[in-house]
């Protein structure tokens, strides 16, 4: 059962990577939420003596950690793009401004 959950977690992580590559960030966040719930279940079943499963979980964590800098970079790009749009001009005056955190 734990092996099945670990396999499912691997598949979800691959799906997350594919969604990020296709820039479908909204769907990726949904899958990340599912992935987190599944990992919580895995951790509840994980035994310290099960070295193989511990290695699998560590690999999943490492693979996910690799995604984080790329996501931060995309976040910065999106933020920059939005701030460029923030000064939308209408009849030579700014009609709206936005502040992005």
PDB file of N, CA and C in Angstrom:
ATOM      1  N   UNK A   1       0.830  -1.196   0.000  1.00  0.00           N
ATOM      2  CA  UNK A   1       0.000   0.000   0.000  1.00  0.00           C
ATOM      3  C   UNK A   1       0.871   1.256   0.000  1.00  0.00           C
ATOM      4  N   UNK A   2       1.917   1.271   0.831  1.00  0.00           N
ATOM      5  CA  UNK A   2       2.822   2.412   0.862  1.00  0.00           C
ATOM      6  C   UNK A   2       3.520   2.560  -0.487  1.00  0.00           C
ATOM      7  N   UNK A   3       3.911   1.429  -1.072  1.00  0.00           N
ATOM      8  CA  UNK A   3       4.566   1.465  -2.388  1.00  0.00           C
ATOM      9  C   UNK A   3       3.643   2.068  -3.440  1.00  0.00           C
ATOM     10  N   UNK A   4       2.361   1.743  -3.367  1.00  0.00           N
ATOM     11  CA  UNK A   4       1.387   2.315  -4.310  1.00  0.00           C
ATOM     12  C   UNK A   4       1.281   3.828  -4.136  1.00  0.00           C
ATOM     13  N   UNK A   5       1.271   4.283  -2.890  1.00  0.00           N
ATOM     14  CA  UNK A   5       1.178   5.717  -2.626  1.00  0.00           C
ATOM     15  C   UNK A   5       2.438   6.448  -3.084  1.00  0.00           C
ATOM     16  N   UNK A   6       3.579   5.808  -2.901  1.00  0.00           N
ATOM     17  CA  UNK A   6       4.824   6.415  -3.378  1.00  0.00           C
ATOM     18  C   UNK A   6       4.829   6.510  -4.901  1.00  0.00           C
ATOM     19  N   UNK A   7       4.343   5.482  -5.563  1.00  0.00           N
ATOM     20  CA  UNK A   7       4.260   5.506  -7.034  1.00  0.00           C
ATOM     21  C   UNK A   7       3.298   6.601  -7.491  1.00  0.00           C
ATOM     22  N   UNK A   8       2.184   6.730  -6.817  1.00  0.00           N
ATOM     23  CA  UNK A   8       1.213   7.772  -7.146  1.00  0.00           C
ATOM     24  C   UNK A   8       1.829   9.155  -6.920  1.00  0.00           C
ATOM     25  N   UNK A   9       2.610   9.309  -5.872  1.00  0.00           N
ATOM     26  CA  UNK A   9       3.278  10.583  -5.595  1.00  0.00           C
ATOM     27  C   UNK A   9       4.277  10.922  -6.700  1.00  0.00           C
ATOM     28  N   UNK A  10       4.993   9.915  -7.191  1.00  0.00           N
ATOM     29  CA  UNK A  10       5.921  10.130  -8.306  1.00  0.00           C
ATOM     30  C   UNK A  10       5.173  10.612  -9.542  1.00  0.00           C
ATOM     31  N   UNK A  11       4.050   9.970  -9.822  1.00  0.00           N
ATOM     32  CA  UNK A  11       3.250  10.349 -10.992  1.00  0.00           C
ATOM     33  C   UNK A  11       2.716  11.776 -10.860  1.00  0.00           C
ATOM     34  N   UNK A  12       2.256  12.125  -9.663  1.00  0.00           N
ATOM     35  CA  UNK A  12       1.767  13.484  -9.444  1.00  0.00           C
ATOM     36  C   UNK A  12       2.884  14.508  -9.598  1.00  0.00           C
ATOM     37  N   UNK A  13       4.070  14.180  -9.136  1.00  0.00           N
ATOM     38  CA  UNK A  13       5.198  15.101  -9.280  1.00  0.00           C
ATOM     39  C   UNK A  13       5.542  15.293 -10.755  1.00  0.00           C
ATOM     40  N   UNK A  14       5.491  14.235 -11.535  1.00  0.00           N
ATOM     41  CA  UNK A  14       5.730  14.359 -12.976  1.00  0.00           C
ATOM     42  C   UNK A  14       4.652  15.229 -13.624  1.00  0.00           C
ATOM     43  N   UNK A  15       3.419  15.065 -13.168  1.00  0.00           N
ATOM     44  CA  UNK A  15       2.322  15.885 -13.686  1.00  0.00           C
ATOM     45  C   UNK A  15       2.549  17.354 -13.337  1.00  0.00           C
ATOM     46  N   UNK A  16       3.026  17.619 -12.132  1.00  0.00           N
ATOM     47  CA  UNK A  16       3.328  18.994 -11.710  1.00  0.00           C
ATOM     48  C   UNK A  16       4.388  19.587 -12.632  1.00  0.00           C
ATOM     49  N   UNK A  17       5.438  18.816 -12.895  1.00  0.00           N
ATOM     50  CA  UNK A  17       6.516  19.284 -13.781  1.00  0.00           C
ATOM     51  C   UNK A  17       5.980  19.607 -15.178  1.00  0.00           C
ATOM     52  N   UNK A  18       5.119  18.748 -15.695  1.00  0.00           N
ATOM     53  CA  UNK A  18       4.543  18.968 -17.024  1.00  0.00           C
ATOM     54  C   UNK A  18       3.672  20.215 -17.048  1.00  0.00           C
ATOM     55  N   UNK A  19       2.883  20.408 -16.007  1.00  0.00           N
ATOM     56  CA  UNK A  19       2.017  21.589 -15.940  1.00  0.00           C
ATOM     57  C   UNK A  19       2.833  22.871 -15.839  1.00  0.00           C
ATOM     58  N   UNK A  20       3.923  22.832 -15.091  1.00  0.00           N
ATOM     59  CA  UNK A  20       4.790  24.003 -14.988  1.00  0.00           C
ATOM     60  C   UNK A  20       5.445  24.277 -16.334  1.00  0.00           C
ATOM     61  N   UNK A  21       5.896  23.229 -16.998  1.00  0.00           N
ATOM     62  CA  UNK A  21       6.526  23.392 -18.311  1.00  0.00           C
ATOM     63  C   UNK A  21       5.555  23.998 -19.318  1.00  0.00           C
ATOM     64  N   UNK A  22       4.279  23.650 -19.190  1.00  0.00           N
ATOM     65  CA  UNK A  22       3.272  24.204 -20.103  1.00  0.00           C
ATOM     66  C   UNK A  22       2.690  25.514 -19.582  1.00  0.00           C
ATOM     67  N   UNK A  23       3.242  26.011 -18.472  1.00  0.00           N
ATOM     68  CA  UNK A  23       2.847  27.275 -17.854  1.00  0.00           C
ATOM     69  C   UNK A  23       1.387  27.294 -17.393  1.00  0.00           C
ATOM     70  N   UNK A  24       0.885  26.129 -17.012  1.00  0.00           N
ATOM     71  CA  UNK A  24      -0.465  26.026 -16.453  1.00  0.00           C
ATOM     72  C   UNK A  24      -0.335  26.029 -14.926  1.00  0.00           C
ATOM     73  N   UNK A  25      -0.016  27.204 -14.390  1.00  0.00           N
ATOM     74  CA  UNK A  25       0.292  27.327 -12.968  1.00  0.00           C
ATOM     75  C   UNK A  25      -0.928  27.102 -12.085  1.00  0.00           C
ATOM     76  N   UNK A  26      -2.085  27.482 -12.567  1.00  0.00           N
ATOM     77  CA  UNK A  26      -3.303  27.296 -11.776  1.00  0.00           C
ATOM     78  C   UNK A  26      -3.559  25.802 -11.534  1.00  0.00           C
ATOM     79  N   UNK A  27      -3.498  25.021 -12.588  1.00  0.00           N
ATOM     80  CA  UNK A  27      -3.708  23.576 -12.447  1.00  0.00           C
ATOM     81  C   UNK A  27      -2.568  22.952 -11.653  1.00  0.00           C
ATOM     82  N   UNK A  28      -1.357  23.459 -11.820  1.00  0.00           N
ATOM     83  CA  UNK A  28      -0.206  22.930 -11.081  1.00  0.00           C
ATOM     84  C   UNK A  28      -0.404  23.108  -9.579  1.00  0.00           C
ATOM     85  N   UNK A  29      -0.952  24.242  -9.163  1.00  0.00           N
ATOM     86  CA  UNK A  29      -1.170  24.447  -7.727  1.00  0.00           C
ATOM     87  C   UNK A  29      -2.201  23.461  -7.187  1.00  0.00           C
ATOM     88  N   UNK A  30      -3.182  23.140  -7.984  1.00  0.00           N
ATOM     89  CA  UNK A  30      -4.181  22.157  -7.569  1.00  0.00           C
ATOM     90  C   UNK A  30      -3.539  20.779  -7.391  1.00  0.00           C
ATOM     91  N   UNK A  31      -2.680  20.403  -8.336  1.00  0.00           N
ATOM     92  CA  UNK A  31      -2.018  19.101  -8.252  1.00  0.00           C
ATOM     93  C   UNK A  31      -1.026  19.084  -7.088  1.00  0.00           C
ATOM     94  N   UNK A  32      -0.355  20.213  -6.830  1.00  0.00           N
ATOM     95  CA  UNK A  32       0.555  20.291  -5.675  1.00  0.00           C
ATOM     96  C   UNK A  32      -0.224  20.059  -4.385  1.00  0.00           C
ATOM     97  N   UNK A  33      -1.417  20.600  -4.301  1.00  0.00           N
ATOM     98  CA  UNK A  33      -2.249  20.387  -3.122  1.00  0.00           C
ATOM     99  C   UNK A  33      -2.567  18.897  -2.942  1.00  0.00           C
ATOM    100  N   UNK A  34      -2.929  18.239  -4.028  1.00  0.00           N
ATOM    101  CA  UNK A  34      -3.195  16.790  -3.979  1.00  0.00           C
ATOM    102  C   UNK A  34      -1.934  16.025  -3.586  1.00  0.00           C
ATOM    103  N   UNK A  35      -0.800  16.459  -4.127  1.00  0.00           N
ATOM    104  CA  UNK A  35       0.481  15.817  -3.850  1.00  0.00           C
ATOM    105  C   UNK A  35       0.833  15.940  -2.371  1.00  0.00           C
ATOM    106  N   UNK A  36       0.603  17.127  -1.806  1.00  0.00           N
ATOM    107  CA  UNK A  36       0.884  17.341  -0.385  1.00  0.00           C
ATOM    108  C   UNK A  36       0.021  16.441   0.492  1.00  0.00           C
ATOM    109  N   UNK A  37      -1.253  16.324   0.153  1.00  0.00           N
ATOM    110  CA  UNK A  37      -2.149  15.457   0.927  1.00  0.00           C
ATOM    111  C   UNK A  37      -1.685  14.001   0.858  1.00  0.00           C
ATOM    112  N   UNK A  38      -1.276  13.584  -0.326  1.00  0.00           N
ATOM    113  CA  UNK A  38      -0.796  12.219  -0.493  1.00  0.00           C
ATOM    114  C   UNK A  38       0.479  11.994   0.317  1.00  0.00           C
ATOM    115  N   UNK A  39       1.384  12.973   0.296  1.00  0.00           N
ATOM    116  CA  UNK A  39       2.622  12.833   1.073  1.00  0.00           C
ATOM    117  C   UNK A  39       2.352  12.800   2.576  1.00  0.00           C
ATOM    118  N   UNK A  40       1.360  13.544   3.029  1.00  0.00           N
ATOM    119  CA  UNK A  40       0.998  13.477   4.445  1.00  0.00           C
ATOM    120  C   UNK A  40       0.570  12.061   4.812  1.00  0.00           C
ATOM    121  N   UNK A  41      -0.179  11.443   3.922  1.00  0.00           N
ATOM    122  CA  UNK A  41      -0.618  10.065   4.137  1.00  0.00           C
ATOM    123  C   UNK A  41       0.591   9.121   4.129  1.00  0.00           C
ATOM    124  N   UNK A  42       1.514   9.347   3.196  1.00  0.00           N
ATOM    125  CA  UNK A  42       2.727   8.526   3.125  1.00  0.00           C
ATOM    126  C   UNK A  42       3.526   8.651   4.420  1.00  0.00           C
ATOM    127  N   UNK A  43       3.701   9.888   4.895  1.00  0.00           N
ATOM    128  CA  UNK A  43       4.463  10.094   6.129  1.00  0.00           C
ATOM    129  C   UNK A  43       3.801   9.411   7.319  1.00  0.00           C
ATOM    130  N   UNK A  44       2.490   9.367   7.336  1.00  0.00           N
ATOM    131  CA  UNK A  44       1.811   8.713   8.455  1.00  0.00           C
ATOM    132  C   UNK A  44       2.032   7.200   8.443  1.00  0.00           C
ATOM    133  N   UNK A  45       2.319   6.636   7.278  1.00  0.00           N
ATOM    134  CA  UNK A  45       2.545   5.196   7.158  1.00  0.00           C
ATOM    135  C   UNK A  45       4.021   4.812   7.195  1.00  0.00           C
ATOM    136  N   UNK A  46       4.897   5.783   7.066  1.00  0.00           N
ATOM    137  CA  UNK A  46       6.326   5.526   6.936  1.00  0.00           C
ATOM    138  C   UNK A  46       6.932   5.026   8.244  1.00  0.00           C
ATOM    139  N   UNK A  47       7.675   3.959   8.143  1.00  0.00           N
ATOM    140  CA  UNK A  47       8.380   3.385   9.291  1.00  0.00           C
ATOM    141  C   UNK A  47       9.861   3.741   9.181  1.00  0.00           C
ATOM    142  N   UNK A  48      10.494   4.169  10.272  1.00  0.00           N
ATOM    143  CA  UNK A  48      11.921   4.514  10.229  1.00  0.00           C
ATOM    144  C   UNK A  48      12.812   3.355   9.761  1.00  0.00           C
ATOM    145  N   UNK A  49      12.370   2.149   9.951  1.00  0.00           N
ATOM    146  CA  UNK A  49      13.166   0.981   9.547  1.00  0.00           C
ATOM    147  C   UNK A  49      13.047   0.675   8.043  1.00  0.00           C
ATOM    148  N   UNK A  50      12.100   1.310   7.358  1.00  0.00           N
ATOM    149  CA  UNK A  50      11.880   1.075   5.928  1.00  0.00           C
ATOM    150  C   UNK A  50      12.778   2.016   5.118  1.00  0.00           C
ATOM    151  N   UNK A  51      14.026   1.606   4.960  1.00  0.00           N
ATOM    152  CA  UNK A  51      15.037   2.457   4.304  1.00  0.00           C
ATOM    153  C   UNK A  51      14.686   2.759   2.844  1.00  0.00           C
ATOM    154  N   UNK A  52      14.138   1.765   2.147  1.00  0.00           N
ATOM    155  CA  UNK A  52      13.797   1.975   0.734  1.00  0.00           C
ATOM    156  C   UNK A  52      12.743   3.074   0.580  1.00  0.00           C
ATOM    157  N   UNK A  53      11.701   2.999   1.362  1.00  0.00           N
ATOM    158  CA  UNK A  53      10.645   4.010   1.282  1.00  0.00           C
ATOM    159  C   UNK A  53      11.160   5.384   1.707  1.00  0.00           C
ATOM    160  N   UNK A  54      12.024   5.407   2.710  1.00  0.00           N
ATOM    161  CA  UNK A  54      12.625   6.673   3.133  1.00  0.00           C
ATOM    162  C   UNK A  54      13.434   7.300   1.995  1.00  0.00           C
ATOM    163  N   UNK A  55      14.174   6.457   1.262  1.00  0.00           N
ATOM    164  CA  UNK A  55      14.935   6.954   0.116  1.00  0.00           C
ATOM    165  C   UNK A  55      14.009   7.483  -0.975  1.00  0.00           C
ATOM    166  N   UNK A  56      12.902   6.803  -1.192  1.00  0.00           N
ATOM    167  CA  UNK A  56      11.936   7.243  -2.201  1.00  0.00           C
ATOM    168  C   UNK A  56      11.353   8.609  -1.838  1.00  0.00           C
ATOM    169  N   UNK A  57      10.993   8.776  -0.575  1.00  0.00           N
ATOM    170  CA  UNK A  57      10.439  10.048  -0.112  1.00  0.00           C
ATOM    171  C   UNK A  57      11.498  11.144  -0.227  1.00  0.00           C
ATOM    172  N   UNK A  58      12.738  10.819   0.109  1.00  0.00           N
ATOM    173  CA  UNK A  58      13.826  11.800  -0.011  1.00  0.00           C
ATOM    174  C   UNK A  58      14.016  12.219  -1.461  1.00  0.00           C
ATOM    175  N   UNK A  59      13.948  11.270  -2.385  1.00  0.00           N
ATOM    176  CA  UNK A  59      14.066  11.591  -3.817  1.00  0.00           C
ATOM    177  C   UNK A  59      12.935  12.499  -4.270  1.00  0.00           C
ATOM    178  N   UNK A  60      11.724  12.204  -3.819  1.00  0.00           N
ATOM    179  CA  UNK A  60      10.582  13.054  -4.169  1.00  0.00           C
ATOM    180  C   UNK A  60      10.788  14.472  -3.646  1.00  0.00           C
ATOM    181  N   UNK A  61      11.252  14.565  -2.420  1.00  0.00           N
ATOM    182  CA  UNK A  61      11.495  15.882  -1.820  1.00  0.00           C
ATOM    183  C   UNK A  61      12.573  16.636  -2.578  1.00  0.00           C
ATOM    184  N   UNK A  62      13.637  15.949  -2.938  1.00  0.00           N
ATOM    185  CA  UNK A  62      14.727  16.581  -3.680  1.00  0.00           C
ATOM    186  C   UNK A  62      14.255  17.059  -5.055  1.00  0.00           C
ATOM    187  N   UNK A  63      13.471  16.225  -5.735  1.00  0.00           N
ATOM    188  CA  UNK A  63      12.946  16.604  -7.054  1.00  0.00           C
ATOM    189  C   UNK A  63      12.042  17.829  -6.962  1.00  0.00           C
ATOM    190  N   UNK A  64      11.228  17.874  -5.921  1.00  0.00           N
ATOM    191  CA  UNK A  64      10.343  19.026  -5.747  1.00  0.00           C
ATOM    192  C   UNK A  64      11.150  20.278  -5.416  1.00  0.00           C
ATOM    193  N   UNK A  65      12.185  20.121  -4.602  1.00  0.00           N
ATOM    194  CA  UNK A  65      13.026  21.260  -4.219  1.00  0.00           C
ATOM    195  C   UNK A  65      13.697  21.884  -5.436  1.00  0.00           C
ATOM    196  N   UNK A  66      13.994  21.087  -6.449  1.00  0.00           N
ATOM    197  CA  UNK A  66      14.593  21.599  -7.682  1.00  0.00           C
ATOM    198  C   UNK A  66      13.616  22.538  -8.404  1.00  0.00           C
ATOM    199  N   UNK A  67      12.345  22.280  -8.270  1.00  0.00           N
ATOM    200  CA  UNK A  67      11.332  23.107  -8.941  1.00  0.00           C
ATOM    201  C   UNK A  67      11.195  24.498  -8.325  1.00  0.00           C
ATOM    202  N   UNK A  68      11.481  24.618  -7.054  1.00  0.00           N
ATOM    203  CA  UNK A  68      11.219  25.868  -6.347  1.00  0.00           C
ATOM    204  C   UNK A  68      11.968  27.080  -6.916  1.00  0.00           C
ATOM    205  N   UNK A  69      13.276  27.001  -7.204  1.00  0.00           N
ATOM    206  CA  UNK A  69      13.940  28.175  -7.792  1.00  0.00           C
ATOM    207  C   UNK A  69      13.347  28.571  -9.154  1.00  0.00           C
ATOM    208  N   UNK A  70      12.978  27.581  -9.947  1.00  0.00           N
ATOM    209  CA  UNK A  70      12.372  27.878 -11.250  1.00  0.00           C
ATOM    210  C   UNK A  70      11.035  28.586 -11.065  1.00  0.00           C
ATOM    211  N   UNK A  71      10.262  28.148 -10.088  1.00  0.00           N
ATOM    212  CA  UNK A  71       8.982  28.797  -9.822  1.00  0.00           C
ATOM    213  C   UNK A  71       9.182  30.216  -9.299  1.00  0.00           C
ATOM    214  N   UNK A  72      10.187  30.422  -8.470  1.00  0.00           N
ATOM    215  CA  UNK A  72      10.488  31.761  -7.966  1.00  0.00           C
ATOM    216  C   UNK A  72      10.867  32.683  -9.119  1.00  0.00           C
ATOM    217  N   UNK A  73      11.643  32.155 -10.054  1.00  0.00           N
ATOM    218  CA  UNK A  73      12.046  32.945 -11.225  1.00  0.00           C
ATOM    219  C   UNK A  73      10.817  33.312 -12.065  1.00  0.00           C
ATOM    220  N   UNK A  74       9.920  32.372 -12.266  1.00  0.00           N
ATOM    221  CA  UNK A  74       8.690  32.656 -13.023  1.00  0.00           C
ATOM    222  C   UNK A  74       7.827  33.680 -12.283  1.00  0.00           C
ATOM    223  N   UNK A  75       7.759  33.556 -10.963  1.00  0.00           N
ATOM    224  CA  UNK A  75       7.003  34.504 -10.149  1.00  0.00           C
ATOM    225  C   UNK A  75       7.542  35.922 -10.362  1.00  0.00           C
ATOM    226  N   UNK A  76       8.864  36.049 -10.361  1.00  0.00           N
ATOM    227  CA  UNK A  76       9.497  37.354 -10.559  1.00  0.00           C
ATOM    228  C   UNK A  76       9.192  37.903 -11.954  1.00  0.00           C
ATOM    229  N   UNK A  77       9.238  37.049 -12.964  1.00  0.00           N
ATOM    230  CA  UNK A  77       8.932  37.480 -14.338  1.00  0.00           C
ATOM    231  C   UNK A  77       7.487  37.977 -14.439  1.00  0.00           C
ATOM    232  N   UNK A  78       6.578  37.215 -13.851  1.00  0.00           N
ATOM    233  CA  UNK A  78       5.157  37.591 -13.907  1.00  0.00           C
ATOM    234  C   UNK A  78       4.928  38.903 -13.179  1.00  0.00           C
ATOM    235  N   UNK A  79       5.561  39.038 -12.028  1.00  0.00           N
ATOM    236  CA  UNK A  79       5.437  40.264 -11.239  1.00  0.00           C
ATOM    237  C   UNK A  79       5.947  41.474 -12.038  1.00  0.00           C
ATOM    238  N   UNK A  80       7.076  41.282 -12.720  1.00  0.00           N
ATOM    239  CA  UNK A  80       7.643  42.357 -13.538  1.00  0.00           C
ATOM    240  C   UNK A  80       6.694  42.715 -14.685  1.00  0.00           C
ATOM    241  N   UNK A  81       6.133  41.715 -15.332  1.00  0.00           N
ATOM    242  CA  UNK A  81       5.207  41.956 -16.437  1.00  0.00           C
ATOM    243  C   UNK A  81       3.970  42.714 -15.966  1.00  0.00           C
ATOM    244  N   UNK A  82       3.463  42.334 -14.809  1.00  0.00           N
ATOM    245  CA  UNK A  82       2.273  42.997 -14.282  1.00  0.00           C
ATOM    246  C   UNK A  82       2.582  44.446 -13.926  1.00  0.00           C
ATOM    247  N   UNK A  83       3.768  44.688 -13.376  1.00  0.00           N
ATOM    248  CA  UNK A  83       4.086  46.069 -13.028  1.00  0.00           C
ATOM    249  C   UNK A  83       4.289  46.920 -14.271  1.00  0.00           C
ATOM    250  N   UNK A  84       4.668  46.316 -15.396  1.00  0.00           N
ATOM    251  CA  UNK A  84       4.743  47.060 -16.639  1.00  0.00           C
ATOM    252  C   UNK A  84       3.336  47.415 -17.142  1.00  0.00           C
ATOM    253  N   UNK A  85       2.410  46.502 -16.917  1.00  0.00           N
ATOM    254  CA  UNK A  85       1.023  46.739 -17.328  1.00  0.00           C
ATOM    255  C   UNK A  85       0.342  47.727 -16.374  1.00  0.00           C
ATOM    256  N   UNK A  86       0.878  47.853 -15.173  1.00  0.00           N
ATOM    257  CA  UNK A  86       0.240  48.653 -14.133  1.00  0.00           C
ATOM    258  C   UNK A  86       0.038  50.097 -14.549  1.00  0.00           C
ATOM    259  N   UNK A  87       0.893  50.592 -15.385  1.00  0.00           N
ATOM    260  CA  UNK A  87       0.773  51.988 -15.805  1.00  0.00           C
ATOM    261  C   UNK A  87       0.034  52.071 -17.138  1.00  0.00           C
ATOM    262  N   UNK A  88      -1.149  51.544 -17.187  1.00  0.00           N
ATOM    263  CA  UNK A  88      -1.953  51.585 -18.402  1.00  0.00           C
ATOM    264  C   UNK A  88      -2.394  53.016 -18.645  1.00  0.00           C
ATOM    265  N   UNK A  89      -2.093  53.469 -19.835  1.00  0.00           N
ATOM    266  CA  UNK A  89      -2.440  54.859 -20.139  1.00  0.00           C
ATOM    267  C   UNK A  89      -3.739  54.915 -20.936  1.00  0.00           C
ATOM    268  N   UNK A  90      -4.539  55.860 -20.582  1.00  0.00           N
ATOM    269  CA  UNK A  90      -5.771  56.107 -21.304  1.00  0.00           C
ATOM    270  C   UNK A  90      -5.875  57.618 -21.500  1.00  0.00           C
ATOM    271  N   UNK A  91      -5.818  58.058 -22.737  1.00  0.00           N
ATOM    272  CA  UNK A  91      -5.836  59.483 -23.063  1.00  0.00           C
ATOM    273  C   UNK A  91      -4.725  60.233 -22.332  1.00  0.00           C
ATOM    274  N   UNK A  92      -3.527  59.702 -22.411  1.00  0.00           N
ATOM    275  CA  UNK A  92      -2.334  60.317 -21.829  1.00  0.00           C
ATOM    276  C   UNK A  92      -2.386  60.474 -20.309  1.00  0.00           C
ATOM    277  N   UNK A  93      -3.201  59.708 -19.647  1.00  0.00           N
ATOM    278  CA  UNK A  93      -3.169  59.725 -18.192  1.00  0.00           C
ATOM    279  C   UNK A  93      -3.319  58.300 -17.680  1.00  0.00           C
ATOM    280  N   UNK A  94      -2.765  58.077 -16.524  1.00  0.00           N
ATOM    281  CA  UNK A  94      -2.831  56.740 -15.932  1.00  0.00           C
ATOM    282  C   UNK A  94      -4.232  56.538 -15.372  1.00  0.00           C
ATOM    283  N   UNK A  95      -4.865  55.473 -15.824  1.00  0.00           N
ATOM    284  CA  UNK A  95      -6.225  55.218 -15.364  1.00  0.00           C
ATOM    285  C   UNK A  95      -6.247  54.280 -14.160  1.00  0.00           C
ATOM    286  N   UNK A  96      -5.278  53.386 -14.066  1.00  0.00           N
ATOM    287  CA  UNK A  96      -5.251  52.441 -12.952  1.00  0.00           C
ATOM    288  C   UNK A  96      -3.804  52.107 -12.633  1.00  0.00           C
ATOM    289  N   UNK A  97      -3.542  51.873 -11.369  1.00  0.00           N
ATOM    290  CA  UNK A  97      -2.233  51.347 -10.970  1.00  0.00           C
ATOM    291  C   UNK A  97      -2.477  50.184 -10.021  1.00  0.00           C
ATOM    292  N   UNK A  98      -1.540  49.273 -10.030  1.00  0.00           N
ATOM    293  CA  UNK A  98      -1.640  48.091  -9.197  1.00  0.00           C
ATOM    294  C   UNK A  98      -0.331  47.895  -8.463  1.00  0.00           C
ATOM    295  N   UNK A  99      -0.414  47.411  -7.259  1.00  0.00           N
ATOM    296  CA  UNK A  99       0.786  47.037  -6.521  1.00  0.00           C
ATOM    297  C   UNK A  99       0.759  45.545  -6.302  1.00  0.00           C
ATOM    298  N   UNK A 100       1.814  44.872  -6.704  1.00  0.00           N
ATOM    299  CA  UNK A 100       1.900  43.435  -6.596  1.00  0.00           C
ATOM    300  C   UNK A 100       2.882  43.075  -5.495  1.00  0.00           C
ATOM    301  N   UNK A 101       2.443  42.244  -4.577  1.00  0.00           N
ATOM    302  CA  UNK A 101       3.331  41.794  -3.499  1.00  0.00           C
ATOM    303  C   UNK A 101       4.032  40.526  -3.898  1.00  0.00           C
TER     304      UNK A 101
END
